[in-house]
N, C-alpha and C. Protein backbone atom coordinates (compact mmCIF):
# COMPACT_ATOMS: atom_id res chain seq x y z
N MET A 1 84.44 101.27 -88.58
CA MET A 1 85.09 101.80 -89.73
C MET A 1 84.86 103.28 -89.95
N ARG A 2 86.00 104.07 -90.05
CA ARG A 2 85.68 105.50 -90.16
C ARG A 2 85.68 105.94 -91.60
N LYS A 3 85.01 107.01 -91.79
CA LYS A 3 84.81 107.58 -93.18
C LYS A 3 85.96 108.31 -93.47
N LEU A 4 86.13 108.48 -95.03
CA LEU A 4 87.28 109.39 -95.42
C LEU A 4 86.33 110.44 -96.05
N THR A 5 86.41 111.65 -95.57
CA THR A 5 85.63 112.82 -95.92
C THR A 5 86.62 113.86 -96.76
N VAL A 6 86.30 114.06 -98.10
CA VAL A 6 86.91 115.16 -98.79
C VAL A 6 86.14 116.51 -98.44
N THR A 7 86.93 117.42 -97.94
CA THR A 7 86.22 118.86 -97.72
C THR A 7 87.04 119.83 -98.55
N GLU A 8 86.31 120.60 -99.32
CA GLU A 8 86.91 121.49 -100.34
C GLU A 8 86.18 122.81 -100.36
N PHE A 9 86.77 123.90 -100.71
CA PHE A 9 86.27 125.11 -101.03
C PHE A 9 86.23 124.96 -102.53
N VAL A 10 84.96 125.30 -103.12
CA VAL A 10 84.89 125.24 -104.67
C VAL A 10 84.19 126.41 -105.17
N SER A 11 84.40 126.80 -106.38
CA SER A 11 83.63 127.96 -106.97
C SER A 11 82.32 127.33 -107.58
N LEU A 12 81.46 127.94 -108.10
CA LEU A 12 80.37 127.64 -108.80
C LEU A 12 80.57 126.83 -110.01
N ASP A 13 81.73 126.88 -110.54
CA ASP A 13 82.21 126.15 -111.82
C ASP A 13 83.12 125.01 -111.43
N GLY A 14 83.21 124.73 -110.07
CA GLY A 14 84.02 123.61 -109.78
C GLY A 14 85.35 123.74 -109.51
N VAL A 15 85.98 125.00 -109.53
CA VAL A 15 87.35 125.19 -109.29
C VAL A 15 87.61 125.21 -107.92
N MET A 16 88.87 124.43 -107.54
CA MET A 16 89.06 124.15 -106.20
C MET A 16 90.50 124.75 -105.76
N ALA A 17 91.30 125.03 -106.74
CA ALA A 17 92.82 125.39 -106.53
C ALA A 17 92.75 126.83 -106.05
N ALA A 18 93.88 127.06 -105.27
CA ALA A 18 94.31 128.43 -104.73
C ALA A 18 93.00 129.23 -104.20
N PRO A 19 92.39 128.84 -103.22
CA PRO A 19 90.88 129.46 -103.07
C PRO A 19 91.08 130.90 -102.35
N LYS A 20 91.98 131.55 -102.75
CA LYS A 20 92.13 132.96 -102.04
C LYS A 20 90.85 133.63 -102.42
N TRP A 21 90.09 133.23 -103.58
CA TRP A 21 88.78 134.09 -103.90
C TRP A 21 87.66 133.71 -102.95
N SER A 22 87.99 132.69 -101.89
CA SER A 22 86.93 132.56 -100.79
C SER A 22 86.89 133.59 -99.90
N ILE A 23 88.01 134.20 -99.69
CA ILE A 23 88.14 135.15 -98.50
C ILE A 23 87.11 136.23 -98.25
N PRO A 24 86.47 136.87 -99.32
CA PRO A 24 85.50 137.90 -99.13
C PRO A 24 84.09 137.28 -98.56
N TYR A 25 84.10 135.87 -98.62
CA TYR A 25 82.84 135.25 -98.28
C TYR A 25 82.93 134.62 -96.96
N TRP A 26 84.14 134.70 -96.25
CA TRP A 26 84.27 134.08 -95.01
C TRP A 26 83.42 134.71 -93.91
N CYS A 27 82.74 134.11 -93.10
CA CYS A 27 81.97 134.54 -91.97
C CYS A 27 81.95 133.75 -90.67
N ASP A 28 81.32 134.04 -89.65
CA ASP A 28 81.34 133.42 -88.44
C ASP A 28 80.55 132.01 -88.56
N GLU A 29 79.56 131.89 -89.37
CA GLU A 29 78.97 130.67 -89.71
C GLU A 29 79.82 129.70 -90.26
N LEU A 30 80.51 130.10 -91.32
CA LEU A 30 81.41 129.25 -92.08
C LEU A 30 82.44 128.77 -91.17
N ALA A 31 83.06 129.72 -90.31
CA ALA A 31 84.11 129.48 -89.49
C ALA A 31 83.71 128.26 -88.53
N LYS A 32 82.41 128.30 -87.94
CA LYS A 32 81.83 127.46 -87.02
C LYS A 32 81.68 126.11 -87.67
N PHE A 33 81.34 126.18 -89.05
CA PHE A 33 81.22 124.82 -89.92
C PHE A 33 82.58 124.00 -89.71
N LYS A 34 83.60 124.99 -90.18
CA LYS A 34 84.96 124.20 -90.28
C LYS A 34 85.43 123.92 -88.93
N TYR A 35 85.14 124.56 -87.95
CA TYR A 35 85.67 124.33 -86.65
C TYR A 35 84.93 123.03 -86.11
N THR A 36 83.73 122.83 -86.44
CA THR A 36 83.09 121.69 -85.88
C THR A 36 83.49 120.35 -86.70
N GLU A 37 83.75 120.48 -87.99
CA GLU A 37 84.21 119.59 -88.90
C GLU A 37 85.57 119.05 -88.39
N LEU A 38 86.52 119.86 -88.05
CA LEU A 38 87.81 119.66 -87.59
C LEU A 38 87.85 118.98 -86.31
N MET A 39 87.06 119.50 -85.33
CA MET A 39 87.02 118.88 -84.09
C MET A 39 86.41 117.59 -83.99
N ALA A 40 85.61 117.19 -85.00
CA ALA A 40 84.96 115.84 -85.01
C ALA A 40 85.91 114.83 -85.83
N GLY A 41 86.81 115.42 -86.60
CA GLY A 41 87.83 114.51 -87.21
C GLY A 41 88.77 113.74 -86.33
N GLY A 42 89.10 112.75 -86.91
CA GLY A 42 90.33 112.11 -86.24
C GLY A 42 91.47 111.95 -86.86
N ALA A 43 91.70 112.45 -87.99
CA ALA A 43 93.04 112.54 -88.59
C ALA A 43 92.74 113.34 -89.95
N LEU A 44 93.99 113.80 -90.33
CA LEU A 44 94.13 114.53 -91.68
C LEU A 44 94.81 113.61 -92.66
N LEU A 45 94.34 113.72 -93.88
CA LEU A 45 95.11 112.89 -94.91
C LEU A 45 95.29 114.08 -96.19
N LEU A 46 96.65 114.28 -96.24
CA LEU A 46 96.86 115.34 -97.20
C LEU A 46 97.98 115.06 -98.38
N GLY A 47 97.92 115.70 -99.36
CA GLY A 47 98.77 115.56 -100.45
C GLY A 47 100.09 116.31 -100.10
N ARG A 48 101.20 116.11 -100.52
CA ARG A 48 102.57 116.76 -100.47
C ARG A 48 102.49 118.31 -100.32
N LYS A 49 101.96 118.90 -101.36
CA LYS A 49 102.02 120.32 -101.47
C LYS A 49 101.17 120.91 -100.35
N THR A 50 99.84 120.37 -100.14
CA THR A 50 99.06 121.03 -99.14
C THR A 50 99.74 120.82 -97.73
N TYR A 51 100.31 119.63 -97.63
CA TYR A 51 100.97 119.21 -96.31
C TYR A 51 102.08 120.34 -96.03
N GLU A 52 102.94 120.57 -96.99
CA GLU A 52 104.09 121.49 -96.86
C GLU A 52 103.61 122.96 -96.50
N THR A 53 102.41 123.46 -97.17
CA THR A 53 101.90 124.72 -96.92
C THR A 53 101.41 124.59 -95.39
N TYR A 54 100.47 123.77 -95.03
CA TYR A 54 100.01 123.64 -93.67
C TYR A 54 101.19 123.56 -92.73
N ALA A 55 102.14 122.78 -93.03
CA ALA A 55 103.25 122.58 -92.02
C ALA A 55 104.08 123.91 -91.79
N ARG A 56 103.99 124.86 -92.71
CA ARG A 56 104.68 126.21 -92.36
C ARG A 56 103.74 127.15 -91.80
N ALA A 57 102.37 127.04 -92.00
CA ALA A 57 101.30 127.79 -91.64
C ALA A 57 100.95 127.62 -90.18
N TRP A 58 100.63 126.49 -89.77
CA TRP A 58 99.92 126.27 -88.64
C TRP A 58 100.78 126.15 -87.26
N PRO A 59 101.90 125.74 -87.15
CA PRO A 59 102.70 125.71 -86.02
C PRO A 59 102.97 127.04 -85.39
N PRO A 60 103.14 128.10 -86.15
CA PRO A 60 103.32 129.45 -85.46
C PRO A 60 102.05 129.95 -84.77
N ARG A 61 100.88 129.32 -85.16
CA ARG A 61 99.58 129.67 -84.57
C ARG A 61 99.18 128.92 -83.36
N ALA A 62 100.11 127.99 -82.92
CA ALA A 62 99.72 127.39 -81.62
C ALA A 62 99.37 128.28 -80.52
N GLY A 63 98.44 127.91 -79.74
CA GLY A 63 97.95 128.55 -78.79
C GLY A 63 97.19 129.80 -78.81
N VAL A 64 96.88 130.18 -80.21
CA VAL A 64 96.12 131.30 -80.54
C VAL A 64 94.66 130.95 -80.41
N ASP A 65 94.20 129.83 -80.88
CA ASP A 65 93.00 129.28 -80.80
C ASP A 65 92.73 127.85 -80.84
N GLY A 66 91.66 127.36 -80.50
CA GLY A 66 91.46 125.88 -80.50
C GLY A 66 91.40 125.19 -81.83
N TYR A 67 91.25 126.06 -82.96
CA TYR A 67 91.34 125.41 -84.34
C TYR A 67 92.85 125.09 -84.72
N ALA A 68 93.70 126.12 -84.36
CA ALA A 68 95.12 126.04 -84.64
C ALA A 68 95.72 124.86 -83.72
N ASP A 69 95.31 124.88 -82.59
CA ASP A 69 95.92 123.77 -81.75
C ASP A 69 95.37 122.37 -82.11
N ARG A 70 94.27 122.19 -82.67
CA ARG A 70 93.77 120.91 -83.33
C ARG A 70 94.49 120.63 -84.46
N MET A 71 94.79 121.57 -85.44
CA MET A 71 95.57 121.39 -86.73
C MET A 71 96.97 120.95 -86.21
N ASN A 72 97.47 121.45 -85.17
CA ASN A 72 98.85 120.94 -84.83
C ASN A 72 98.94 119.75 -84.10
N SER A 73 97.79 119.34 -83.49
CA SER A 73 97.90 117.98 -82.59
C SER A 73 97.27 116.77 -83.31
N ILE A 74 96.23 117.07 -84.20
CA ILE A 74 95.71 115.89 -84.84
C ILE A 74 96.62 115.01 -85.75
N PRO A 75 96.42 113.67 -85.61
CA PRO A 75 97.32 112.85 -86.53
C PRO A 75 97.26 113.28 -88.00
N LYS A 76 98.34 113.31 -88.53
CA LYS A 76 98.31 113.76 -90.00
C LYS A 76 99.09 112.55 -90.88
N TYR A 77 98.55 112.34 -91.94
CA TYR A 77 99.13 111.48 -93.04
C TYR A 77 99.40 112.17 -94.18
N VAL A 78 100.50 112.10 -94.78
CA VAL A 78 100.84 112.84 -95.95
C VAL A 78 101.26 111.87 -96.96
N VAL A 79 100.39 111.97 -98.19
CA VAL A 79 100.90 110.87 -99.29
C VAL A 79 101.85 111.57 -100.14
N SER A 80 102.93 110.95 -100.40
CA SER A 80 104.02 111.45 -101.22
C SER A 80 105.00 110.44 -101.65
N THR A 81 105.37 110.48 -102.88
CA THR A 81 106.33 109.56 -103.25
C THR A 81 107.86 110.16 -103.17
N THR A 82 107.80 111.50 -102.98
CA THR A 82 109.10 112.24 -102.95
C THR A 82 109.42 112.70 -101.44
N LEU A 83 108.51 112.73 -100.58
CA LEU A 83 108.91 113.31 -99.24
C LEU A 83 109.13 111.93 -98.43
N THR A 84 110.28 112.11 -97.71
CA THR A 84 110.77 111.00 -96.96
C THR A 84 110.61 111.27 -95.38
N GLN A 85 110.46 112.44 -95.14
CA GLN A 85 110.35 112.63 -93.67
C GLN A 85 109.15 113.77 -93.53
N ALA A 86 108.38 113.67 -92.55
CA ALA A 86 107.35 114.59 -92.25
C ALA A 86 107.42 115.21 -90.76
N ASN A 87 107.96 116.47 -90.74
CA ASN A 87 108.49 116.96 -89.42
C ASN A 87 107.26 117.77 -88.47
N TRP A 88 106.28 118.17 -89.20
CA TRP A 88 105.15 118.67 -88.47
C TRP A 88 104.58 117.66 -87.26
N ASN A 89 104.41 118.17 -86.16
CA ASN A 89 103.89 117.28 -85.04
C ASN A 89 102.86 116.34 -85.61
N ASN A 90 103.11 115.05 -85.04
CA ASN A 90 102.23 114.02 -85.27
C ASN A 90 101.86 113.53 -86.85
N SER A 91 102.89 113.59 -87.59
CA SER A 91 102.80 113.43 -89.05
C SER A 91 103.52 112.25 -89.36
N THR A 92 102.94 111.46 -90.40
CA THR A 92 103.44 110.15 -90.95
C THR A 92 103.47 110.22 -92.58
N VAL A 93 104.32 109.86 -93.09
CA VAL A 93 104.42 109.72 -94.72
C VAL A 93 103.86 108.36 -95.14
N ILE A 94 102.95 108.46 -96.09
CA ILE A 94 102.59 107.26 -96.82
C ILE A 94 103.19 107.39 -98.18
N GLY A 95 104.07 106.54 -98.47
CA GLY A 95 104.79 106.58 -99.81
C GLY A 95 104.73 105.42 -100.59
N LYS A 96 104.30 104.32 -100.07
CA LYS A 96 104.08 103.12 -100.73
C LYS A 96 102.77 102.47 -100.56
N ASP A 97 102.32 101.60 -101.35
CA ASP A 97 100.96 100.83 -101.30
C ASP A 97 99.85 101.84 -100.65
N ILE A 98 99.89 102.99 -101.29
CA ILE A 98 98.98 104.07 -100.97
C ILE A 98 97.41 103.71 -100.77
N THR A 99 96.93 102.94 -101.55
CA THR A 99 95.41 102.45 -101.40
C THR A 99 95.37 101.45 -100.16
N ALA A 100 96.25 100.63 -99.96
CA ALA A 100 96.24 99.57 -98.92
C ALA A 100 96.37 100.43 -97.59
N ALA A 101 97.28 101.29 -97.64
CA ALA A 101 97.57 102.33 -96.35
C ALA A 101 96.31 102.92 -95.98
N ILE A 102 95.65 103.58 -96.85
CA ILE A 102 94.60 104.34 -96.70
C ILE A 102 93.31 103.42 -96.16
N ARG A 103 93.17 102.30 -96.88
CA ARG A 103 91.97 101.21 -96.35
C ARG A 103 92.37 100.97 -95.03
N GLU A 104 93.74 100.78 -94.53
CA GLU A 104 94.08 100.33 -93.25
C GLU A 104 93.49 101.50 -92.28
N LEU A 105 93.98 102.73 -92.63
CA LEU A 105 93.62 103.87 -91.82
C LEU A 105 92.17 103.86 -91.51
N LYS A 106 91.27 103.68 -92.70
CA LYS A 106 89.87 103.72 -92.48
C LYS A 106 89.28 102.61 -91.92
N ALA A 107 90.06 101.41 -91.52
CA ALA A 107 89.67 100.39 -90.70
C ALA A 107 89.97 100.48 -89.21
N GLN A 108 90.64 101.58 -88.94
CA GLN A 108 91.04 101.67 -87.35
C GLN A 108 89.87 102.47 -86.81
N PRO A 109 89.86 102.28 -85.55
CA PRO A 109 88.88 103.13 -84.75
C PRO A 109 89.26 104.57 -84.78
N GLY A 110 88.24 105.43 -84.59
CA GLY A 110 88.55 106.79 -84.36
C GLY A 110 87.59 107.62 -85.28
N GLY A 111 87.85 108.99 -85.12
CA GLY A 111 87.04 109.98 -85.97
C GLY A 111 87.43 109.89 -87.39
N ASP A 112 86.57 110.53 -88.23
CA ASP A 112 86.75 110.44 -89.63
C ASP A 112 88.06 110.96 -90.09
N ILE A 113 88.48 110.59 -91.21
CA ILE A 113 89.64 110.98 -91.83
C ILE A 113 89.31 112.18 -92.82
N LEU A 114 89.89 113.33 -92.57
CA LEU A 114 89.56 114.57 -93.40
C LEU A 114 90.56 114.88 -94.42
N VAL A 115 90.27 115.20 -95.62
CA VAL A 115 91.21 115.58 -96.79
C VAL A 115 90.81 117.01 -96.93
N PHE A 116 91.75 118.04 -96.88
CA PHE A 116 91.64 119.30 -96.99
C PHE A 116 92.52 119.67 -98.28
N GLY A 117 91.96 120.35 -99.25
CA GLY A 117 92.77 120.75 -100.48
C GLY A 117 93.10 119.52 -101.22
N SER A 118 94.52 119.52 -101.47
CA SER A 118 95.06 118.17 -102.07
C SER A 118 94.47 117.61 -103.20
N GLY A 119 94.47 118.58 -104.26
CA GLY A 119 93.67 118.19 -105.53
C GLY A 119 94.08 116.77 -106.20
N LYS A 120 95.32 116.63 -106.23
CA LYS A 120 95.88 115.41 -106.92
C LYS A 120 95.39 114.22 -106.11
N LEU A 121 95.60 114.25 -104.91
CA LEU A 121 95.29 113.23 -103.88
C LEU A 121 93.83 112.80 -104.07
N VAL A 122 92.84 113.94 -104.16
CA VAL A 122 91.53 113.75 -104.17
C VAL A 122 91.17 112.99 -105.45
N VAL A 123 91.85 113.24 -106.48
CA VAL A 123 91.48 112.68 -107.76
C VAL A 123 91.85 111.05 -107.54
N TYR A 124 93.00 110.90 -106.95
CA TYR A 124 93.49 109.65 -106.87
C TYR A 124 92.42 108.70 -105.87
N LEU A 125 92.04 109.41 -104.83
CA LEU A 125 91.10 108.81 -103.93
C LEU A 125 89.70 108.38 -104.61
N MET A 126 89.32 109.23 -105.57
CA MET A 126 88.21 109.06 -106.06
C MET A 126 88.34 108.00 -107.13
N GLN A 127 89.30 107.98 -107.89
CA GLN A 127 89.60 106.89 -108.80
C GLN A 127 89.68 105.54 -108.15
N HIS A 128 90.08 105.46 -106.87
CA HIS A 128 90.10 104.18 -106.00
C HIS A 128 89.09 103.88 -105.15
N ASP A 129 87.85 104.71 -105.39
CA ASP A 129 86.90 104.42 -104.66
C ASP A 129 86.84 104.49 -103.08
N LEU A 130 87.68 105.53 -102.75
CA LEU A 130 88.00 105.45 -101.15
C LEU A 130 87.37 106.74 -100.62
N VAL A 131 86.64 107.56 -101.23
CA VAL A 131 85.89 108.55 -100.76
C VAL A 131 84.63 108.29 -100.28
N ASP A 132 84.34 108.48 -98.99
CA ASP A 132 82.75 108.12 -98.48
C ASP A 132 81.73 109.34 -98.37
N GLU A 133 82.52 110.63 -98.23
CA GLU A 133 81.80 111.69 -98.11
C GLU A 133 82.35 113.05 -98.64
N TYR A 134 81.62 113.92 -99.14
CA TYR A 134 82.21 115.19 -99.69
C TYR A 134 81.58 116.25 -98.90
N HIS A 135 82.31 117.14 -98.41
CA HIS A 135 81.85 118.43 -97.70
C HIS A 135 82.39 119.56 -98.66
N LEU A 136 81.44 120.16 -99.54
CA LEU A 136 81.63 121.17 -100.57
C LEU A 136 81.31 122.43 -99.88
N LEU A 137 82.14 123.51 -99.71
CA LEU A 137 81.87 124.74 -99.47
C LEU A 137 81.78 125.57 -100.71
N VAL A 138 80.58 125.77 -101.26
CA VAL A 138 80.56 126.39 -102.59
C VAL A 138 80.26 127.89 -102.51
N TYR A 139 81.16 128.56 -103.37
CA TYR A 139 81.34 130.09 -103.18
C TYR A 139 80.69 130.70 -104.51
N PRO A 140 79.90 131.85 -104.31
CA PRO A 140 79.17 132.33 -105.33
C PRO A 140 80.19 133.19 -106.34
N VAL A 141 81.12 132.34 -106.88
CA VAL A 141 82.02 132.96 -107.86
C VAL A 141 82.03 131.96 -109.10
N VAL A 142 82.38 132.55 -110.30
CA VAL A 142 82.71 131.69 -111.29
C VAL A 142 84.05 132.25 -111.91
N LEU A 143 85.15 131.19 -111.89
CA LEU A 143 86.35 131.49 -112.23
C LEU A 143 86.87 131.20 -113.73
N GLY A 144 86.05 130.43 -114.31
CA GLY A 144 86.40 130.15 -115.71
C GLY A 144 87.67 129.29 -115.97
N HIS A 145 88.40 129.13 -114.98
CA HIS A 145 89.59 128.18 -115.33
C HIS A 145 90.20 127.92 -113.88
N GLY A 146 90.98 126.89 -113.85
CA GLY A 146 91.75 126.49 -112.67
C GLY A 146 91.48 124.93 -112.48
N GLN A 147 92.11 124.33 -111.50
CA GLN A 147 92.09 123.03 -111.17
C GLN A 147 90.53 122.64 -110.71
N ARG A 148 90.02 121.72 -111.14
CA ARG A 148 88.61 121.47 -110.79
C ARG A 148 88.61 120.24 -109.91
N LEU A 149 87.54 120.29 -108.94
CA LEU A 149 87.48 119.17 -108.05
C LEU A 149 87.21 117.86 -108.82
N PHE A 150 86.22 118.03 -109.81
CA PHE A 150 85.83 116.77 -110.61
C PHE A 150 86.42 117.00 -112.01
N PRO A 151 87.60 116.54 -112.42
CA PRO A 151 88.17 116.76 -113.67
C PRO A 151 87.33 116.00 -114.75
N ALA A 152 87.61 116.49 -116.13
CA ALA A 152 86.96 115.83 -117.12
C ALA A 152 87.05 114.38 -117.05
N GLY A 153 85.93 113.70 -117.30
CA GLY A 153 86.13 112.18 -117.20
C GLY A 153 85.70 111.61 -115.87
N SER A 154 85.54 112.45 -114.83
CA SER A 154 85.22 111.98 -113.46
C SER A 154 83.76 111.47 -113.35
N ARG A 155 83.62 110.50 -112.77
CA ARG A 155 82.11 110.09 -112.51
C ARG A 155 81.91 109.75 -110.82
N ALA A 156 80.70 110.19 -110.54
CA ALA A 156 80.56 109.89 -109.10
C ALA A 156 79.07 109.96 -108.87
N ASN A 157 78.33 108.96 -108.23
CA ASN A 157 76.97 109.05 -107.80
C ASN A 157 76.93 109.33 -106.40
N LEU A 158 76.38 110.50 -106.17
CA LEU A 158 76.24 111.02 -104.79
C LEU A 158 74.83 111.29 -104.19
N GLN A 159 74.70 111.30 -103.11
CA GLN A 159 73.37 111.45 -102.37
C GLN A 159 73.53 112.64 -101.32
N ARG A 160 72.78 113.68 -101.65
CA ARG A 160 73.01 114.91 -100.60
C ARG A 160 72.31 114.37 -99.23
N VAL A 161 73.02 114.70 -98.15
CA VAL A 161 72.75 114.39 -96.77
C VAL A 161 72.51 115.57 -95.93
N ALA A 162 73.07 116.71 -96.35
CA ALA A 162 72.96 118.01 -95.58
C ALA A 162 73.24 119.21 -96.40
N SER A 163 72.66 120.29 -96.05
CA SER A 163 73.15 121.53 -96.84
C SER A 163 72.91 122.73 -95.74
N GLN A 164 73.73 123.73 -95.84
CA GLN A 164 73.56 124.89 -95.17
C GLN A 164 73.99 126.03 -95.99
N SER A 165 73.04 127.16 -95.85
CA SER A 165 73.43 128.33 -96.52
C SER A 165 74.10 129.34 -95.59
N PHE A 166 74.95 130.19 -96.06
CA PHE A 166 75.60 131.18 -95.02
C PHE A 166 75.18 132.57 -95.48
N ALA A 167 75.13 133.56 -94.54
CA ALA A 167 74.75 134.85 -94.78
C ALA A 167 75.70 135.46 -95.90
N SER A 168 76.88 135.06 -95.99
CA SER A 168 77.88 135.66 -96.90
C SER A 168 77.62 135.30 -98.43
N GLY A 169 76.58 134.32 -98.58
CA GLY A 169 76.49 133.71 -99.98
C GLY A 169 77.00 132.50 -100.13
N ALA A 170 77.92 131.94 -99.39
CA ALA A 170 78.53 130.63 -99.57
C ALA A 170 77.50 129.64 -99.00
N MET A 171 77.76 128.32 -99.40
CA MET A 171 76.79 127.23 -98.97
C MET A 171 77.67 125.95 -98.80
N ALA A 172 77.23 125.31 -97.93
CA ALA A 172 77.93 123.95 -97.45
C ALA A 172 77.11 122.81 -98.04
N LEU A 173 77.32 121.99 -98.74
CA LEU A 173 76.80 120.96 -99.22
C LEU A 173 77.57 119.56 -99.02
N VAL A 174 76.69 118.64 -98.32
CA VAL A 174 77.37 117.41 -97.82
C VAL A 174 76.78 116.26 -98.61
N TYR A 175 77.60 115.58 -99.31
CA TYR A 175 77.19 114.30 -100.24
C TYR A 175 77.78 113.12 -99.70
N GLN A 176 77.13 112.04 -99.65
CA GLN A 176 77.97 110.69 -99.47
C GLN A 176 77.98 110.11 -100.72
N SER A 177 78.80 108.98 -100.89
CA SER A 177 79.00 108.17 -102.07
C SER A 177 77.60 107.24 -102.01
N ALA A 178 76.94 107.21 -103.16
CA ALA A 178 75.81 106.56 -103.29
C ALA A 178 76.05 104.88 -103.48
C-alpha cells in the first residue's frame, strides 16, 4: 500500500496559499529536497485549481530539466466535480466517489501519491483520514492572513519522522499521522 503525502510550502503562521513569498528562500538544498521527493513519488493528486495552473506551467518546460520531465510524465489525478476532461499528459479526473477512488489509488502498487498545493483538497483528505504523511517546507515569514494548511477546527495527531534545515532559513519538517 502506498502512502498519500501532502507536501506544502507554509509560513510560520501556517499560511499555504499563493506561496510567492517563498521565492527569496529558495536554495539548492531545497531544490534537491523537492527533486528527491518528486522522483520517489509514483503519482500526483491535485485539486482542480492547482491542476489547471500546473497544466499551463509544466508542459512548456519539457526537456529543460529532469524535474519538468517528471512533472509531465508522472501519473496525475485531478479531483474535480466540474472538470470533465484532463488534457495534460497522463492525467485522469476523479469526479465521483472521491474517497473510494483515493483509497483504491493508495491500494495500488507503486511510489507514494504526492499532493502539492490543492488547499481545499488537502482539507478534504484530512477530514476523511486519507493523509499518511506531511512534508512541510516552513519559511521564516509571518503573513497574518491567508488560507491555512490546518484551518480552524482541524485536528491531527502527528509524529515527526525527519527534519532538515536549509541555509536560506527555511526548514523541512516531515510528519506521519500518529
